[in-house]
């Protein structure tokens, strides 16, 4: 008799072929054969307390490793619980596969347990969504889903596998198990457009470049650094690209971006859409030449006219442009000294203006003091994660990761609750790294029970909660729109001692009300070797400038 194999074991074989080392999951009767297959294939199973966390962890795993992440959830509410994590990965261009259970095909349309039209729900927020129709095609569809994750800009895929398809066994020689199906997705960009960009740089007096998340997605750090240093182009970084240049690098700028984008004569936008974060392109000088480089053709020139668009891998394009420009007698780099000095002066002035608040001894604690202490605490091996509204907006102005790939935030969907999952994925994928996550108290309360998962799997990290007992970003908008007497409708939280919560679940926890105690508490958390929470009570009546300038309130 020929050897047989079940659908769940075919899933595991396909995951193994893709290089998946861990799945994030919450158990359900529809999916347990996948677990059995993962045990045989040596794939670790990390079970969490909420499916949203499983999906966020798969997203985070992809960001940290550069390999696709995978979450496995049961049918019905298991899959709908994971929708937010998939949607977040979709907007953040993160490659992951969500596998959802489904009722048996033999019970199709009969009202089986947890039956829902998962594919219909997932189609708008994935690059690929399908049902596996037969056991023979399980691995084939898994490989197809992973392949689609990398079509253009990366993103998530979804597969539902009916219970009888997953549990059935078929002859191994009848099952299609793809082994070599992935091609290079690196596109070098149009050579003529690269020459045009080199010409624009040669004539630019005041260029600036924004390095977006696709620089990290494509692992293009070295190419970006070489480009800005060779051509003397001041660089600003957002999203996952933060840390591309280390703090103190002559081309590293952060606080002068608005000034630069107003005064520049050439602005290069790399891997960042003209969405709300960019004022839909309106924050760029109307007289500047604007160049957009992106993996996705659909993003280029969307919401704002551009002078040049180049579709392809940012690293290959920046490298080719640096080569093309360097081969010219005059590439413009030498005459940009005054422009660099001008921006550095603006940068220094902004820093010095804010420094007194970063060093403030006020109680309740000024949020600027908290994020200042965190920034001073970071090492070159600390992965920083931001999960919150107002408090994380403060951190975006102050916290500077010391190395590439050491910054994580939700991305443009603005999802609260990613922090615990991202910390889980980061520490699992890179146990050699320190992981520090700054939470708002509202954000932490969404998925905080998975602190217990961190304890259970021995994944130490440093959690810091900026606690103002409020959803303060929303509270500000309500006060501005309706007045102070209606400012606290639906956004005020209890005064929760999260440090005690951490200890209850087996971790290290502390409460901090004195700013002088922030750094010692961080040190003790580091030394504890446990999952930790430092609950820092910050001033609820202080708002980040970014909160006060949000476009949703205007």
Protein backbone atom coordinates (compact mmCIF):
# COMPACT_ATOMS: atom_id res chain seq x y z
CA UNK A 1 0.00 0.00 0.00
CA UNK A 2 1.23 3.52 -0.78
CA UNK A 3 2.04 5.89 2.07
CA UNK A 4 -0.76 8.28 3.00
CA UNK A 5 -0.70 11.78 4.46
CA UNK A 6 -3.35 13.99 6.04
CA UNK A 7 -4.24 17.55 5.10
CA UNK A 8 -2.83 18.91 8.34
CA UNK A 9 0.50 17.24 7.72
CA UNK A 10 0.53 18.62 4.16
CA UNK A 11 0.07 22.11 5.65
CA UNK A 12 3.07 21.54 7.90
CA UNK A 13 5.22 20.27 5.05
CA UNK A 14 4.34 23.34 2.97
CA UNK A 15 5.13 25.66 5.89
CA UNK A 16 8.46 23.92 6.41
CA UNK A 17 9.33 24.34 2.72
CA UNK A 18 8.63 28.06 3.06
CA UNK A 19 11.03 28.34 6.00
CA UNK A 20 8.36 28.88 8.65
CA UNK A 21 9.79 27.98 12.06
CA UNK A 22 6.85 28.88 14.30
CA UNK A 23 3.10 29.30 14.03
CA UNK A 24 1.00 31.50 16.31
CA UNK A 25 -2.39 30.07 17.15
CA UNK A 26 -5.38 29.65 19.43
CA UNK A 27 -6.70 26.12 19.39
CA UNK A 28 -9.95 24.91 17.88
CA UNK A 29 -11.35 21.59 16.78
CA UNK A 30 -11.15 22.48 13.10
CA UNK A 31 -7.35 22.91 13.01
CA UNK A 32 -5.72 20.42 15.39
CA UNK A 33 -4.36 18.19 12.61
CA UNK A 34 -2.10 21.11 11.61
CA UNK A 35 -0.60 20.99 15.10
CA UNK A 36 0.10 17.28 14.70
CA UNK A 37 1.87 17.97 11.43
CA UNK A 38 3.90 20.79 12.95
CA UNK A 39 5.17 18.47 15.68
CA UNK A 40 6.43 16.05 13.02
CA UNK A 41 8.04 18.84 10.97
CA UNK A 42 9.73 20.54 13.93
CA UNK A 43 7.64 23.72 13.70
CA UNK A 44 7.03 25.32 17.08
CA UNK A 45 3.45 26.00 18.11
CA UNK A 46 2.94 29.11 20.25
CA UNK A 47 -0.59 29.28 21.57
CA UNK A 48 -1.90 32.68 22.61
CA UNK A 49 -5.01 33.91 24.41
CA UNK A 50 -6.65 35.82 21.56
CA UNK A 51 -6.57 35.32 17.80
CA UNK A 52 -5.85 38.99 17.19
CA UNK A 53 -2.54 38.44 18.97
CA UNK A 54 -1.78 35.41 16.80
CA UNK A 55 -2.26 37.45 13.62
CA UNK A 56 -0.25 40.41 14.93
CA UNK A 57 2.54 38.05 15.96
CA UNK A 58 2.68 36.57 12.45
CA UNK A 59 2.90 40.12 11.09
CA UNK A 60 5.64 40.99 13.58
CA UNK A 61 7.58 37.81 12.80
CA UNK A 62 7.63 38.76 9.11
CA UNK A 63 8.90 42.25 9.88
CA UNK A 64 11.71 41.01 12.11
CA UNK A 65 12.90 38.05 10.04
CA UNK A 66 12.13 39.08 6.47
CA UNK A 67 10.40 35.70 6.10
CA UNK A 68 6.62 35.26 5.97
CA UNK A 69 4.79 34.77 9.26
CA UNK A 70 1.96 32.32 9.83
CA UNK A 71 -1.04 32.26 12.16
CA UNK A 72 -3.52 29.41 12.44
CA UNK A 73 -6.99 29.95 13.89
CA UNK A 74 -10.23 28.05 14.05
CA UNK A 75 -13.38 28.77 12.06
CA UNK A 76 -16.02 31.43 12.70
CA UNK A 77 -15.12 33.61 15.70
CA UNK A 78 -11.54 32.36 15.57
CA UNK A 79 -11.14 33.78 12.07
CA UNK A 80 -13.12 36.96 12.72
CA UNK A 81 -11.02 37.63 15.83
CA UNK A 82 -7.95 37.59 13.57
CA UNK A 83 -9.36 40.06 11.02
CA UNK A 84 -7.77 43.10 12.71
CA UNK A 85 -4.32 41.52 12.62
CA UNK A 86 -4.68 40.71 8.93
CA UNK A 87 -5.98 44.20 8.15
CA UNK A 88 -3.03 45.73 9.98
CA UNK A 89 -0.59 43.63 7.96
CA UNK A 90 -2.41 44.64 4.77
CA UNK A 91 -1.95 48.36 5.36
CA UNK A 92 1.60 47.83 6.65
CA UNK A 93 2.62 45.69 3.62
CA UNK A 94 3.67 42.76 5.78
CA UNK A 95 3.79 39.23 4.29
CA UNK A 96 1.91 36.68 6.39
CA UNK A 97 -0.46 33.78 5.93
CA UNK A 98 -3.55 33.30 8.05
CA UNK A 99 -4.98 29.80 7.93
CA UNK A 100 -8.55 29.51 9.16
CA UNK A 101 -10.62 26.44 9.82
CA UNK A 102 -13.99 25.82 8.21
CA UNK A 103 -16.88 23.41 8.55
CA UNK A 104 -16.70 20.21 6.53
CA UNK A 105 -17.38 20.45 2.80
CA UNK A 106 -19.87 17.62 3.28
CA UNK A 107 -21.88 20.02 5.49
CA UNK A 108 -21.59 23.00 3.14
CA UNK A 109 -24.53 25.42 3.58
CA UNK A 110 -26.08 23.17 6.23
CA UNK A 111 -25.28 25.42 9.20
CA UNK A 112 -22.24 23.61 10.59
CA UNK A 113 -20.51 24.79 13.76
CA UNK A 114 -18.76 28.17 13.31
CA UNK A 115 -19.51 28.29 9.57
CA UNK A 116 -19.03 31.77 8.08
CA UNK A 117 -18.09 33.12 4.61
CA UNK A 118 -14.47 33.70 5.61
CA UNK A 119 -13.10 34.12 2.09
CA UNK A 120 -15.66 36.81 1.28
CA UNK A 121 -14.70 38.70 4.44
CA UNK A 122 -10.96 38.38 3.91
CA UNK A 123 -10.77 39.17 0.20
CA UNK A 124 -10.76 42.99 0.57
CA UNK A 125 -7.90 42.94 3.10
CA UNK A 126 -5.59 40.33 1.58
CA UNK A 127 -3.61 39.83 -1.60
CA UNK A 128 -5.05 36.33 -1.94
CA UNK A 129 -7.94 34.50 -0.27
CA UNK A 130 -9.23 31.03 -1.13
CA UNK A 131 -10.78 27.79 0.06
CA UNK A 132 -8.79 24.57 -0.25
CA UNK A 133 -11.13 22.26 -2.20
CA UNK A 134 -9.38 18.89 -1.84
CA UNK A 135 -6.77 17.32 0.42
CA UNK A 136 -4.49 16.64 -2.55
CA UNK A 137 -4.18 20.40 -3.12
CA UNK A 138 -3.54 21.54 0.46
CA UNK A 139 0.20 22.14 0.07
CA UNK A 140 -0.32 23.51 -3.45
CA UNK A 141 -2.70 26.20 -2.15
CA UNK A 142 -0.42 27.03 0.78
CA UNK A 143 2.46 27.66 -1.64
CA UNK A 144 0.18 29.70 -3.90
CA UNK A 145 -0.88 31.85 -0.94
CA UNK A 146 2.73 32.50 0.07
CA UNK A 147 3.69 33.36 -3.49
CA UNK A 148 0.93 35.95 -3.70
CA UNK A 149 2.20 37.55 -0.46
CA UNK A 150 5.16 38.85 -2.50
CA UNK A 151 3.35 40.06 -5.60
CA UNK A 152 4.28 43.77 -5.83
CA UNK A 153 4.38 45.30 -2.37
CA UNK A 154 4.12 42.49 0.20
CA UNK A 155 0.96 41.71 2.12
CA UNK A 156 -1.12 38.99 3.79
CA UNK A 157 -2.90 35.98 2.33
CA UNK A 158 -5.72 33.86 3.73
CA UNK A 159 -6.67 30.22 3.31
CA UNK A 160 -9.63 28.41 4.81
CA UNK A 161 -9.40 24.64 5.00
CA UNK A 162 -12.60 22.67 5.60
CA UNK A 163 -12.39 20.17 8.45
CA UNK A 164 -12.88 17.06 6.32
CA UNK A 165 -10.27 18.29 3.80
CA UNK A 166 -7.80 18.83 6.64
CA UNK A 167 -8.44 15.52 8.41
CA UNK A 168 -8.63 13.27 5.33
CA UNK A 169 -5.68 11.18 4.24
CA UNK A 170 -4.60 10.78 0.64
CA UNK A 171 -1.79 8.82 -1.05
CA UNK A 172 1.40 10.83 -0.71
CA UNK A 173 2.19 10.40 -4.39
CA UNK A 174 -1.16 11.99 -5.30
CA UNK A 175 -0.56 15.17 -3.28
CA UNK A 176 1.12 18.11 -4.97
CA UNK A 177 3.87 19.43 -2.66
CA UNK A 178 5.65 22.31 -4.44
CA UNK A 179 9.32 22.64 -3.58
CA UNK A 180 10.68 25.20 -6.06
CA UNK A 181 8.07 27.78 -6.91
CA UNK A 182 9.40 31.18 -5.84
CA UNK A 183 11.15 33.60 -8.21
CA UNK A 184 13.06 36.76 -7.41
CA UNK A 185 10.74 39.73 -6.95
CA UNK A 186 13.51 42.36 -7.02
CA UNK A 187 12.87 44.81 -9.84
CA UNK A 188 15.71 47.20 -10.64
CA UNK A 189 13.57 50.04 -12.00
CA UNK A 190 13.53 51.67 -15.43
CA UNK A 191 17.15 52.58 -16.41
CA UNK A 192 16.04 55.78 -18.19
CA UNK A 193 14.18 56.92 -15.06
CA UNK A 194 17.24 56.23 -12.94
CA UNK A 195 19.31 58.42 -15.26
CA UNK A 196 16.69 61.16 -14.94
CA UNK A 197 16.88 60.94 -11.15
CA UNK A 198 20.68 61.21 -11.34
CA UNK A 199 20.24 64.36 -13.46
CA UNK A 200 17.81 65.86 -10.96
CA UNK A 201 20.29 65.20 -8.15
CA UNK A 202 23.16 66.73 -10.10
CA UNK A 203 21.22 70.01 -10.42
CA UNK A 204 19.60 70.04 -6.96
CA UNK A 205 20.83 72.58 -4.43
CA UNK A 206 18.57 71.46 -1.59
CA UNK A 207 17.53 67.80 -1.90
CA UNK A 208 15.92 65.71 0.85
CA UNK A 209 14.91 62.06 1.00
CA UNK A 210 12.30 60.26 3.09
CA UNK A 211 13.16 56.61 3.67
CA UNK A 212 9.98 54.64 4.35
CA UNK A 213 9.19 51.14 5.55
CA UNK A 214 9.96 49.48 2.22
CA UNK A 215 13.65 50.20 2.82
CA UNK A 216 13.49 47.73 5.71
CA UNK A 217 11.09 45.38 3.90
CA UNK A 218 13.63 45.03 1.09
CA UNK A 219 16.59 44.97 3.48
CA UNK A 220 17.99 47.95 1.59
CA UNK A 221 19.77 49.63 4.50
CA UNK A 222 23.28 49.52 3.02
CA UNK A 223 22.08 50.88 -0.32
CA UNK A 224 20.20 53.73 1.36
CA UNK A 225 23.20 54.65 3.52
CA UNK A 226 25.54 54.62 0.54
CA UNK A 227 23.13 56.80 -1.45
CA UNK A 228 22.72 59.55 1.15
CA UNK A 229 26.40 59.65 2.14
CA UNK A 230 27.76 59.55 -1.41
CA UNK A 231 25.45 62.31 -2.65
CA UNK A 232 25.10 64.36 0.56
CA UNK A 233 21.33 64.03 0.73
CA UNK A 234 19.79 64.68 4.18
CA UNK A 235 17.62 61.72 5.18
CA UNK A 236 14.42 61.47 7.19
CA UNK A 237 13.07 58.08 8.21
CA UNK A 238 9.62 56.82 9.10
CA UNK A 239 7.99 53.51 9.97
CA UNK A 240 10.25 50.48 9.91
CA UNK A 241 13.02 52.48 8.22
CA UNK A 242 13.78 54.28 11.48
CA UNK A 243 17.28 53.29 12.47
CA UNK A 244 18.54 53.03 8.89
CA UNK A 245 21.04 55.71 9.84
CA UNK A 246 22.30 55.75 13.42
CA UNK A 247 21.70 58.81 15.63
CA UNK A 248 24.54 61.27 15.16
CA UNK A 249 25.16 60.37 11.52
CA UNK A 250 25.75 63.58 9.49
CA UNK A 251 22.88 62.65 7.16
CA UNK A 252 20.45 61.63 9.95
CA UNK A 253 17.69 64.21 10.50
CA UNK A 254 14.44 63.96 12.44
CA UNK A 255 13.08 67.24 13.82
CA UNK A 256 13.50 69.46 10.75
CA UNK A 257 11.37 67.48 8.31
CA UNK A 258 8.61 70.06 7.92
CA UNK A 259 11.19 72.77 7.25
CA UNK A 260 13.09 70.59 4.78
CA UNK A 261 9.99 69.64 2.82
CA UNK A 262 9.02 73.31 2.60
CA UNK A 263 12.44 74.57 1.47
CA UNK A 264 13.79 71.69 -0.62
CA UNK A 265 14.07 71.88 -4.41
CA UNK A 266 14.12 68.07 -4.80
CA UNK A 267 12.21 65.64 -2.56
CA UNK A 268 12.61 61.88 -2.96
CA UNK A 269 9.93 59.75 -1.29
CA UNK A 270 10.92 56.10 -0.90
CA UNK A 271 8.46 53.37 0.05
CA UNK A 272 5.88 55.69 1.57
CA UNK A 273 2.43 56.46 0.13
CA UNK A 274 0.95 59.96 0.08
CA UNK A 275 -1.51 59.05 2.80
CA UNK A 276 -2.65 60.90 5.94
CA UNK A 277 0.87 60.78 7.39
CA UNK A 278 2.07 62.85 4.46
CA UNK A 279 -0.93 65.17 4.36
CA UNK A 280 -1.86 63.33 1.14
CA UNK A 281 1.19 64.95 -0.46
CA UNK A 282 0.18 68.52 0.39
CA UNK A 283 3.00 68.95 2.92
CA UNK A 284 5.61 68.98 0.18
CA UNK A 285 6.79 72.21 -1.38
CA UNK A 286 4.69 72.99 -4.48
CA UNK A 287 7.83 74.22 -6.28
CA UNK A 288 10.04 71.22 -5.50
CA UNK A 289 10.68 68.41 -7.93
CA UNK A 290 9.09 65.31 -6.38
CA UNK A 291 10.30 61.78 -7.07
CA UNK A 292 8.51 58.69 -5.73
CA UNK A 293 10.07 55.23 -5.53
CA UNK A 294 7.81 52.32 -4.57
CA UNK A 295 7.34 48.59 -4.94
CA UNK A 296 3.71 49.08 -5.98
CA UNK A 297 2.81 50.90 -9.19
CA UNK A 298 -0.60 51.77 -7.75
CA UNK A 299 0.98 53.86 -5.00
CA UNK A 300 3.10 56.05 -7.26
CA UNK A 301 1.50 59.41 -7.99
CA UNK A 302 -1.57 58.63 -5.92
CA UNK A 303 -3.11 61.76 -4.28
CA UNK A 304 -0.39 64.06 -5.63
CA UNK A 305 1.27 64.76 -8.97
CA UNK A 306 4.94 63.81 -9.19
CA UNK A 307 7.79 64.70 -11.52
CA UNK A 308 9.20 61.20 -11.68
CA UNK A 309 7.98 57.80 -10.52
CA UNK A 310 10.11 54.65 -10.37
CA UNK A 311 8.62 51.26 -9.58
CA UNK A 312 10.86 48.60 -8.11
CA UNK A 313 13.06 47.54 -5.23
CA UNK A 314 14.20 50.67 -3.35
CA UNK A 315 17.65 49.22 -2.66
CA UNK A 316 18.38 48.40 -6.30
CA UNK A 317 17.06 51.77 -7.45
CA UNK A 318 19.01 53.81 -4.89
CA UNK A 319 22.17 51.83 -5.63
CA UNK A 320 21.83 52.29 -9.38
CA UNK A 321 21.11 56.01 -8.95
CA UNK A 322 24.17 56.49 -6.73
CA UNK A 323 26.30 54.76 -9.36
CA UNK A 324 24.82 56.81 -12.18
CA UNK A 325 25.32 60.08 -10.29
CA UNK A 326 28.82 59.21 -9.08
CA UNK A 327 30.00 58.73 -12.62
CA UNK A 328 29.38 62.40 -13.44
CA UNK A 329 31.94 65.16 -13.22
CA UNK A 330 29.48 67.17 -11.09
CA UNK A 331 26.87 65.26 -9.10
CA UNK A 332 25.89 68.13 -6.81
CA UNK A 333 27.19 66.56 -3.58
CA UNK A 334 29.99 69.03 -2.95
CA UNK A 335 27.83 72.18 -3.04
CA UNK A 336 25.25 70.92 -0.53
CA UNK A 337 27.31 71.71 2.56
CA UNK A 338 25.37 74.91 3.34
CA UNK A 339 22.04 73.12 2.97
CA UNK A 340 23.15 70.43 5.43
CA UNK A 341 24.29 73.09 7.90
CA UNK A 342 21.00 74.97 7.50
CA UNK A 343 18.99 71.87 8.37
CA UNK A 344 21.29 70.99 11.25
CA UNK A 345 20.70 74.44 12.76
CA UNK A 346 16.91 73.94 12.55
CA UNK A 347 17.31 70.49 14.06
CA UNK A 348 19.41 71.79 16.96
CA UNK A 349 17.02 74.63 17.69
CA UNK A 350 14.03 72.25 17.85
CA UNK A 351 15.91 69.89 20.14
CA UNK A 352 17.03 72.62 22.52
CA UNK A 353 13.53 74.06 22.69
CA UNK A 354 12.12 70.73 23.84
CA UNK A 355 15.00 69.64 26.07
CA UNK A 356 13.71 71.26 29.30
CA UNK A 357 10.58 69.11 29.10
CA UNK A 358 12.62 65.99 28.41
CA UNK A 359 14.50 66.71 31.64
CA UNK A 360 11.45 67.87 33.60
CA UNK A 361 11.09 66.74 37.22
CA UNK A 362 7.36 67.50 37.22
CA UNK A 363 4.87 65.18 38.89
CA UNK A 364 2.72 63.75 37.39
CA UNK A 365 5.47 62.86 34.97
CA UNK A 366 5.76 64.77 31.70
CA UNK A 367 5.50 62.19 28.87
CA UNK A 368 8.53 63.83 27.25
CA UNK A 369 10.58 62.83 30.30
CA UNK A 370 9.44 59.24 30.01
CA UNK A 371 10.32 58.86 26.33
CA UNK A 372 13.61 60.70 26.92
CA UNK A 373 14.57 58.16 29.58
CA UNK A 374 13.63 55.32 27.25
CA UNK A 375 15.74 56.77 24.45
CA UNK A 376 18.73 57.13 26.74
CA UNK A 377 18.23 53.53 27.91
CA UNK A 378 18.21 51.90 24.47
CA UNK A 379 21.27 49.99 23.28
CA UNK A 380 22.30 49.04 19.76
CA UNK A 381 20.63 45.68 20.40
CA UNK A 382 17.29 46.98 21.68
CA UNK A 383 14.26 46.48 19.45
CA UNK A 384 11.81 49.28 20.24
CA UNK A 385 8.05 48.78 19.83
CA UNK A 386 5.42 51.50 20.10
CA UNK A 387 1.82 50.53 20.88
CA UNK A 388 -0.49 53.39 21.76
CA UNK A 389 -1.89 56.75 20.78
CA UNK A 390 -0.71 59.91 22.48
CA UNK A 391 2.21 58.39 24.39
CA UNK A 392 3.63 56.77 21.25
CA UNK A 393 3.21 60.05 19.37
CA UNK A 394 5.53 61.58 21.97
CA UNK A 395 8.02 58.77 21.42
CA UNK A 396 8.07 59.29 17.66
CA UNK A 397 9.71 62.68 18.23
CA UNK A 398 12.31 61.50 20.72
CA UNK A 399 13.10 57.79 20.51
CA UNK A 400 15.80 56.96 17.97
CA UNK A 401 16.63 53.28 17.44
CA UNK A 402 20.34 52.67 17.23
CA UNK A 403 20.30 50.03 14.47
CA UNK A 404 18.32 49.11 11.34
CA UNK A 405 15.26 46.93 11.86
CA UNK A 406 14.98 47.92 15.51
CA UNK A 407 11.76 49.97 15.32
CA UNK A 408 8.25 48.50 15.18
CA UNK A 409 4.91 50.28 15.15
CA UNK A 410 1.47 49.29 13.84
CA UNK A 411 1.76 51.16 10.57
CA UNK A 412 -0.86 53.26 8.80
CA UNK A 413 -3.89 51.37 10.13
CA UNK A 414 -3.07 52.80 13.57
CA UNK A 415 -4.02 49.57 15.33
CA UNK A 416 -3.81 49.55 19.10
CA UNK A 417 -2.95 46.25 20.75
CA UNK A 418 -0.02 45.18 18.57
CA UNK A 419 2.63 45.59 21.26
CA UNK A 420 2.41 42.30 23.12
CA UNK A 421 2.28 40.32 19.87
CA UNK A 422 5.16 42.23 18.29
CA UNK A 423 7.25 41.73 21.45
CA UNK A 424 6.40 38.01 21.36
CA UNK A 425 7.45 37.69 17.73
CA UNK A 426 10.57 39.83 18.10
CA UNK A 427 11.90 37.97 21.12
CA UNK A 428 11.09 34.59 19.60
CA UNK A 429 12.78 35.41 16.30
CA UNK A 430 15.73 37.25 17.83
CA UNK A 431 16.39 35.91 21.34
CA UNK A 432 19.77 37.67 21.27
CA UNK A 433 18.04 41.07 21.19
CA UNK A 434 16.57 43.09 24.01
CA UNK A 435 12.93 44.00 23.37
CA UNK A 436 11.34 47.12 24.84
CA UNK A 437 7.71 48.01 24.24
CA UNK A 438 6.08 51.31 25.17
CA UNK A 439 2.32 50.92 25.66
CA UNK A 440 -0.44 53.37 26.29
CA UNK A 441 -2.64 52.06 29.07
CA UNK A 442 -5.56 51.85 26.65
CA UNK A 443 -3.51 49.92 24.11
CA UNK A 444 -2.13 47.50 26.68
CA UNK A 445 -5.58 46.66 28.02
CA UNK A 446 -6.69 45.38 24.59
CA UNK A 447 -4.31 42.42 24.41
CA UNK A 448 -2.50 42.54 27.75
CA UNK A 449 -3.57 39.07 28.88
CA UNK A 450 -0.97 37.65 26.51
CA UNK A 451 1.62 38.85 29.00
CA UNK A 452 0.94 35.41 30.46
CA UNK A 453 1.96 33.87 27.12
CA UNK A 454 5.28 35.69 27.39
CA UNK A 455 5.77 34.22 30.85
CA UNK A 456 4.71 30.74 29.77
CA UNK A 457 7.14 30.64 26.85
CA UNK A 458 9.92 32.41 28.77
CA UNK A 459 10.14 35.43 26.46
CA UNK A 460 11.58 38.23 28.60
CA UNK A 461 10.96 41.79 27.49
CA UNK A 462 10.75 45.25 29.03
CA UNK A 463 7.24 46.66 28.94
CA UNK A 464 6.63 50.30 29.84
CA UNK A 465 3.12 51.67 30.23
CA UNK A 466 2.59 55.41 29.96
CA UNK A 467 -0.48 55.45 32.18
CA UNK A 468 -2.78 58.49 32.15
CA UNK A 469 -5.98 56.50 32.78
CA UNK A 470 -7.34 57.83 29.50
CA UNK A 471 -7.57 57.33 25.78
CA UNK A 472 -5.91 60.70 25.64
CA UNK A 473 -5.58 61.11 21.89
CA UNK A 474 -9.35 60.88 21.54
CA UNK A 475 -9.97 62.91 24.67
CA UNK A 476 -8.06 65.85 23.19
CA UNK A 477 -10.18 65.81 20.06
CA UNK A 478 -13.41 65.69 22.04
CA UNK A 479 -12.33 68.61 24.22
CA UNK A 480 -11.38 70.65 21.17
CA UNK A 481 -14.63 69.87 19.37
CA UNK A 482 -17.23 69.82 22.14
CA UNK A 483 -15.64 71.61 25.11
CA UNK A 484 -14.11 70.43 28.37
CA UNK A 485 -17.46 69.53 29.93
CA UNK A 486 -17.81 66.76 27.31
CA UNK A 487 -14.14 65.85 27.02
CA UNK A 488 -14.33 62.67 29.07
CA UNK A 489 -17.23 60.86 27.43
CA UNK A 490 -16.25 57.31 26.51
CA UNK A 491 -12.49 57.71 26.89
CA UNK A 492 -11.66 57.57 30.62
CA UNK A 493 -10.13 54.42 32.09
CA UNK A 494 -9.63 53.18 35.63
CA UNK A 495 -6.45 53.81 37.62
CA UNK A 496 -5.00 50.35 37.10
CA UNK A 497 -1.75 49.30 38.75
CA UNK A 498 -0.35 47.30 35.87
CA UNK A 499 2.86 46.57 37.74
CA UNK A 500 0.81 44.41 40.10
CA UNK A 501 -0.87 42.76 37.10
CA UNK A 502 2.57 41.70 35.83
CA UNK A 503 3.49 40.16 39.16
CA UNK A 504 0.16 38.35 39.31
CA UNK A 505 0.99 36.61 36.02
CA UNK A 506 4.52 35.64 37.05
CA UNK A 507 6.52 38.56 35.67
CA UNK A 508 8.38 41.55 37.06
CA UNK A 509 6.31 44.66 37.80
CA UNK A 510 6.82 48.15 39.24
CA UNK A 511 4.88 51.38 39.75
CA UNK A 512 6.68 54.67 39.05
CA UNK A 513 5.42 58.15 39.96
CA UNK A 514 8.76 59.97 40.41
CA UNK A 515 10.64 60.75 37.17
CA UNK A 516 13.94 60.08 38.92
CA UNK A 517 12.83 56.46 39.36
CA UNK A 518 12.22 55.75 35.66
CA UNK A 519 15.81 54.78 34.79
CA UNK A 520 16.39 52.64 37.90
CA UNK A 521 13.13 50.82 37.19
CA UNK A 522 14.20 50.17 33.61
CA UNK A 523 17.51 48.78 34.85
CA UNK A 524 15.78 46.46 37.31
CA UNK A 525 13.46 45.20 34.58
CA UNK A 526 16.46 44.48 32.36
CA UNK A 527 18.22 42.63 35.16
CA UNK A 528 15.13 40.61 36.13
CA UNK A 529 15.33 38.39 33.04
CA UNK A 530 11.53 38.17 33.08
CA UNK A 531 8.66 39.64 31.10
CA UNK A 532 8.17 42.96 32.88
CA UNK A 533 5.86 45.92 33.15
CA UNK A 534 6.86 49.30 34.49
CA UNK A 535 3.70 51.30 35.05
CA UNK A 536 4.64 54.98 34.76
CA UNK A 537 1.99 57.47 35.81
CA UNK A 538 2.14 60.37 33.32
CA UNK A 539 0.34 63.71 33.28
CA UNK A 540 -3.13 63.24 31.71
CA UNK A 541 -3.40 66.94 30.83
CA UNK A 542 -0.38 67.03 28.52
CA UNK A 543 -0.78 66.16 24.83
CA UNK A 544 1.73 65.43 22.10
CA UNK A 545 1.99 68.00 19.29
CA UNK A 546 1.10 65.26 16.83
CA UNK A 547 -2.13 64.61 18.74
CA UNK A 548 -3.07 68.29 18.58
CA UNK A 549 -2.34 68.42 14.84
CA UNK A 550 -4.23 65.30 13.78
CA UNK A 551 -6.04 65.72 10.50
CA UNK A 552 -9.09 63.80 11.77
CA UNK A 553 -9.93 66.79 13.96
CA UNK A 554 -9.67 69.36 11.18
